[in-house]
Amino acid sequence: MSYGVSFGEPFRRAGIYAGRILQGAKPSSLPVILETKVELIVNLKTAKSLGMIVPLPLLGRADEVIE
C-alpha cells in the first residue's frame, strides 16, 4: 500500500517552473507550491502473499488497485 504524491506530478511542476524561468521570471520570486493531490494505491497480490486482508471500504477509496 502506498499513500503519497502522484509520481508524475513533481516532474510536471518542474517543467512549469523551468518554463517560467526561461520566460524571464526570477527563481526567487516563484512561489513554493506544496503538493495537495495524494494517491492511495493498494497492491492486493502483495497483501495476499503477506496474509493481510484489505477492508472493502479502503479498497473503495483507493485511487488504484493492483490485482
Protein backbone atom coordinates (compact mmCIF):
# COMPACT_ATOMS: atom_id res chain seq x y z
CA MET A 1 0.00 0.00 0.00
CA SER A 2 1.27 3.45 -0.88
CA TYR A 3 -0.13 6.82 0.11
CA GLY A 4 1.65 9.81 -1.30
CA VAL A 5 2.13 12.29 -4.09
CA SER A 6 1.47 11.22 -7.65
CA PHE A 7 4.70 10.05 -9.30
CA GLY A 8 4.44 12.28 -12.37
CA GLU A 9 3.21 15.45 -10.66
CA PRO A 10 6.63 16.74 -9.44
CA PHE A 11 8.04 16.37 -12.97
CA ARG A 12 5.14 18.34 -14.41
CA ARG A 13 5.67 21.11 -11.87
CA ALA A 14 9.41 21.18 -12.62
CA GLY A 15 8.56 21.78 -16.27
CA ILE A 16 6.25 24.63 -15.34
CA TYR A 17 8.96 26.24 -13.19
CA ALA A 18 11.55 25.80 -15.95
CA GLY A 19 9.20 27.45 -18.44
CA ARG A 20 8.65 30.43 -16.16
CA ILE A 21 12.39 30.85 -15.62
CA LEU A 22 13.05 30.66 -19.35
CA GLN A 23 10.43 33.37 -19.89
CA GLY A 24 12.41 35.68 -17.59
CA ALA A 25 10.97 35.16 -14.12
CA LYS A 26 13.42 35.30 -11.24
CA PRO A 27 13.64 31.96 -9.42
CA SER A 28 13.48 33.75 -6.06
CA SER A 29 10.12 35.28 -6.99
CA LEU A 30 8.46 31.98 -7.88
CA PRO A 31 6.12 30.63 -5.21
CA VAL A 32 6.74 27.35 -3.43
CA ILE A 33 3.81 25.10 -4.26
CA LEU A 34 3.07 22.25 -1.89
CA GLU A 35 1.53 19.10 -3.27
CA THR A 36 -2.13 18.84 -2.43
CA LYS A 37 -3.09 15.81 -4.51
CA VAL A 38 -2.18 12.48 -2.97
CA GLU A 39 -2.96 8.98 -4.19
CA LEU A 40 -3.73 5.74 -2.40
CA ILE A 41 -2.52 2.65 -4.24
CA VAL A 42 -3.22 -0.85 -2.94
CA ASN A 43 -1.43 -3.96 -4.21
CA LEU A 44 -3.76 -6.88 -3.49
CA LYS A 45 -1.35 -9.55 -4.72
CA THR A 46 1.31 -8.49 -2.23
CA ALA A 47 -1.25 -8.14 0.56
CA LYS A 48 -2.47 -11.69 -0.04
CA SER A 49 1.07 -13.07 -0.10
CA LEU A 50 1.68 -11.41 3.29
CA GLY A 51 -1.57 -12.81 4.66
CA MET A 52 -3.21 -9.40 5.01
CA ILE A 53 -6.88 -8.72 4.42
CA VAL A 54 -7.65 -5.29 2.98
CA PRO A 55 -11.08 -3.99 4.06
CA LEU A 56 -13.56 -3.20 1.28
CA PRO A 57 -14.09 0.43 2.37
CA LEU A 58 -10.35 1.01 1.99
CA LEU A 59 -10.38 -0.55 -1.48
CA GLY A 60 -13.30 1.68 -2.40
CA ARG A 61 -11.31 4.80 -1.51
CA ALA A 62 -8.14 3.71 -3.33
CA ASP A 63 -7.17 5.62 -6.47
CA GLU A 64 -5.60 2.49 -7.94
CA VAL A 65 -5.89 -1.19 -7.04
CA ILE A 66 -3.27 -3.58 -8.38
CA GLU A 67 -4.54 -7.15 -8.55
